[in-house]
Amino acid sequence: QVQLVESGGGLVQPGGSLRLSCVGSGFNFGNWRINWYRQTPGKERELVAAILDTGIAAYYADPVKGRFSVARDNAKRTAYLQMNNLRPEDTAVYYCFRPINFWGQGTQVTVRS
């Protein structure tokens, strides 16, 4: 079955960096776009970034433009979300998503001094 597993979250100070990974299994990873979402308590999940099957970045949300970047290594069945210059407002659970409705379990990112 389709599975997505995120990793790489953690606690980081403002201005720091993290790289999230999303490993896919149970499907032909190289054929699918991967979206990154984040969610904070009481709010809906918001789309942060997306990468096409070809490796082209398809979308960045305005709050993360210039700070986050997406990449993928189809041979490793892995997508990445590089997050630089992190801010406290980036604190959230981050999820990767494969259409049509497959989600990872999420990884917590906390940005604080």
C-alpha atoms as a PDB file:
ATOM      1  CA  GLN A   1       0.000   0.000   0.000  1.00  0.00           C
ATOM      2  CA  VAL A   2       0.982   3.620  -0.414  1.00  0.00           C
ATOM      3  CA  GLN A   3       3.024   4.940   2.492  1.00  0.00           C
ATOM      4  CA  LEU A   4       4.727   8.251   3.133  1.00  0.00           C
ATOM      5  CA  VAL A   5       7.077   8.722   6.055  1.00  0.00           C
ATOM      6  CA  GLU A   6       8.382  12.121   7.077  1.00  0.00           C
ATOM      7  CA  SER A   7      11.439  12.784   9.167  1.00  0.00           C
ATOM      8  CA  GLY A   8      13.773  15.633  10.030  1.00  0.00           C
ATOM      9  CA  GLY A   9      11.637  17.758  12.291  1.00  0.00           C
ATOM     10  CA  GLY A  10      12.816  19.088  15.592  1.00  0.00           C
ATOM     11  CA  LEU A  11      13.512  22.124  17.720  1.00  0.00           C
ATOM     12  CA  VAL A  12      15.506  24.922  16.168  1.00  0.00           C
ATOM     13  CA  GLN A  13      16.253  28.516  17.068  1.00  0.00           C
ATOM     14  CA  PRO A  14      14.971  31.378  14.938  1.00  0.00           C
ATOM     15  CA  GLY A  15      17.182  31.817  11.928  1.00  0.00           C
ATOM     16  CA  GLY A  16      18.120  28.169  11.906  1.00  0.00           C
ATOM     17  CA  SER A  17      17.562  25.518   9.275  1.00  0.00           C
ATOM     18  CA  LEU A  18      16.018  22.097   8.994  1.00  0.00           C
ATOM     19  CA  ARG A  19      15.605  19.664   6.143  1.00  0.00           C
ATOM     20  CA  LEU A  20      12.556  17.477   6.117  1.00  0.00           C
ATOM     21  CA  SER A  21      12.469  14.211   4.212  1.00  0.00           C
ATOM     22  CA  CYS A  22       9.517  12.272   2.859  1.00  0.00           C
ATOM     23  CA  VAL A  23      10.116   8.687   1.806  1.00  0.00           C
ATOM     24  CA  GLY A  24       7.469   7.050  -0.334  1.00  0.00           C
ATOM     25  CA  SER A  25       6.739   3.371  -0.832  1.00  0.00           C
ATOM     26  CA  GLY A  26       4.071   1.234  -2.426  1.00  0.00           C
ATOM     27  CA  PHE A  27       3.877   3.274  -5.604  1.00  0.00           C
ATOM     28  CA  ASN A  28       6.033   4.527  -8.458  1.00  0.00           C
ATOM     29  CA  PHE A  29       7.460   7.513  -6.612  1.00  0.00           C
ATOM     30  CA  GLY A  30       8.900   9.154  -9.695  1.00  0.00           C
ATOM     31  CA  ASN A  31       5.495   9.483 -11.315  1.00  0.00           C
ATOM     32  CA  TRP A  32       3.876  11.672  -8.680  1.00  0.00           C
ATOM     33  CA  ARG A  33       4.082  15.222  -7.458  1.00  0.00           C
ATOM     34  CA  ILE A  34       4.637  15.640  -3.739  1.00  0.00           C
ATOM     35  CA  ASN A  35       3.082  18.439  -1.730  1.00  0.00           C
ATOM     36  CA  TRP A  36       4.202  19.736   1.633  1.00  0.00           C
ATOM     37  CA  TYR A  37       1.604  21.032   4.081  1.00  0.00           C
ATOM     38  CA  ARG A  38       1.759  22.307   7.608  1.00  0.00           C
ATOM     39  CA  GLN A  39      -0.777  22.584  10.371  1.00  0.00           C
ATOM     40  CA  THR A  40      -0.969  24.335  13.708  1.00  0.00           C
ATOM     41  CA  PRO A  41      -3.600  23.617  16.380  1.00  0.00           C
ATOM     42  CA  GLY A  42      -6.970  25.068  15.528  1.00  0.00           C
ATOM     43  CA  LYS A  43      -6.065  25.845  11.936  1.00  0.00           C
ATOM     44  CA  GLU A  44      -6.539  24.049   8.671  1.00  0.00           C
ATOM     45  CA  ARG A  45      -3.621  22.480   6.925  1.00  0.00           C
ATOM     46  CA  GLU A  46      -2.005  24.918   4.567  1.00  0.00           C
ATOM     47  CA  LEU A  47      -0.089  24.111   1.433  1.00  0.00           C
ATOM     48  CA  VAL A  48       3.507  25.192   1.848  1.00  0.00           C
ATOM     49  CA  ALA A  49       5.265  23.900  -1.245  1.00  0.00           C
ATOM     50  CA  ALA A  50       4.942  21.381  -4.038  1.00  0.00           C
ATOM     51  CA  ILE A  51       7.317  19.614  -6.365  1.00  0.00           C
ATOM     52  CA  LEU A  52       6.395  17.973  -9.644  1.00  0.00           C
ATOM     53  CA  ASP A  53       7.434  14.481 -10.640  1.00  0.00           C
ATOM     54  CA  THR A  54      10.076  16.051 -12.863  1.00  0.00           C
ATOM     55  CA  GLY A  55      11.713  17.824  -9.925  1.00  0.00           C
ATOM     56  CA  ILE A  56      10.421  21.256 -10.826  1.00  0.00           C
ATOM     57  CA  ALA A  57       9.093  23.249  -7.920  1.00  0.00           C
ATOM     58  CA  ALA A  58       5.456  23.913  -8.602  1.00  0.00           C
ATOM     59  CA  TYR A  59       4.473  26.108  -5.687  1.00  0.00           C
ATOM     60  CA  TYR A  60       5.682  28.037  -2.677  1.00  0.00           C
ATOM     61  CA  ALA A  61       3.345  29.752  -0.271  1.00  0.00           C
ATOM     62  CA  ASP A  62       4.047  33.451   0.100  1.00  0.00           C
ATOM     63  CA  PRO A  63       5.208  33.207   3.741  1.00  0.00           C
ATOM     64  CA  VAL A  64       7.989  30.770   2.807  1.00  0.00           C
ATOM     65  CA  LYS A  65       9.160  32.136  -0.536  1.00  0.00           C
ATOM     66  CA  GLY A  66      12.871  32.736  -0.530  1.00  0.00           C
ATOM     67  CA  ARG A  67      13.374  30.667   2.623  1.00  0.00           C
ATOM     68  CA  PHE A  68      12.086  27.183   1.774  1.00  0.00           C
ATOM     69  CA  SER A  69      12.971  25.023  -1.185  1.00  0.00           C
ATOM     70  CA  VAL A  70      11.861  21.639  -2.439  1.00  0.00           C
ATOM     71  CA  ALA A  71      13.861  18.890  -4.057  1.00  0.00           C
ATOM     72  CA  ARG A  72      13.563  15.196  -4.735  1.00  0.00           C
ATOM     73  CA  ASP A  73      15.653  12.160  -5.444  1.00  0.00           C
ATOM     74  CA  ASN A  74      13.466   9.683  -7.263  1.00  0.00           C
ATOM     75  CA  ALA A  75      16.106   6.972  -7.071  1.00  0.00           C
ATOM     76  CA  LYS A  76      15.867   7.233  -3.281  1.00  0.00           C
ATOM     77  CA  ARG A  77      12.083   7.655  -3.390  1.00  0.00           C
ATOM     78  CA  THR A  78      12.536  10.758  -1.276  1.00  0.00           C
ATOM     79  CA  ALA A  79      11.307  14.318  -1.390  1.00  0.00           C
ATOM     80  CA  TYR A  80      12.869  17.091   0.643  1.00  0.00           C
ATOM     81  CA  LEU A  81      11.773  20.370   2.123  1.00  0.00           C
ATOM     82  CA  GLN A  82      14.745  22.569   2.963  1.00  0.00           C
ATOM     83  CA  MET A  83      13.761  25.258   5.442  1.00  0.00           C
ATOM     84  CA  ASN A  84      16.120  28.134   6.071  1.00  0.00           C
ATOM     85  CA  ASN A  85      15.873  31.267   8.176  1.00  0.00           C
ATOM     86  CA  LEU A  86      13.153  29.676  10.224  1.00  0.00           C
ATOM     87  CA  ARG A  87      10.777  31.860  12.200  1.00  0.00           C
ATOM     88  CA  PRO A  88       8.600  31.104  15.210  1.00  0.00           C
ATOM     89  CA  GLU A  89       5.542  31.300  12.969  1.00  0.00           C
ATOM     90  CA  ASP A  90       6.886  28.322  11.008  1.00  0.00           C
ATOM     91  CA  THR A  91       6.195  26.152  14.037  1.00  0.00           C
ATOM     92  CA  ALA A  92       3.789  23.435  12.930  1.00  0.00           C
ATOM     93  CA  VAL A  93       3.403  19.788  12.101  1.00  0.00           C
ATOM     94  CA  TYR A  94       4.617  19.295   8.554  1.00  0.00           C
ATOM     95  CA  TYR A  95       3.114  16.675   6.292  1.00  0.00           C
ATOM     96  CA  CYS A  96       3.942  15.366   2.869  1.00  0.00           C
ATOM     97  CA  PHE A  97       1.103  14.433   0.569  1.00  0.00           C
ATOM     98  CA  ARG A  98       0.701  12.439  -2.617  1.00  0.00           C
ATOM     99  CA  PRO A  99      -2.392  12.872  -4.701  1.00  0.00           C
ATOM    100  CA  ILE A 100      -5.108  11.807  -4.473  1.00  0.00           C
ATOM    101  CA  ASN A 101      -5.360  11.426  -0.758  1.00  0.00           C
ATOM    102  CA  PHE A 102      -2.227   9.944   0.772  1.00  0.00           C
ATOM    103  CA  TRP A 103      -0.644  11.628   3.773  1.00  0.00           C
ATOM    104  CA  GLY A 104       2.379  10.991   5.874  1.00  0.00           C
ATOM    105  CA  GLN A 105       2.174  10.902   9.658  1.00  0.00           C
ATOM    106  CA  GLY A 106       3.703  14.341  10.059  1.00  0.00           C
ATOM    107  CA  THR A 107       6.815  15.674  11.725  1.00  0.00           C
ATOM    108  CA  GLN A 108       6.872  18.437  14.319  1.00  0.00           C
ATOM    109  CA  VAL A 109       8.894  21.559  13.666  1.00  0.00           C
ATOM    110  CA  THR A 110       9.312  23.959  16.578  1.00  0.00           C
ATOM    111  CA  VAL A 111      11.089  27.265  16.198  1.00  0.00           C
ATOM    112  CA  ARG A 112      11.858  29.119  19.407  1.00  0.00           C
ATOM    113  CA  SER A 113      14.720  30.675  21.304  1.00  0.00           C
END
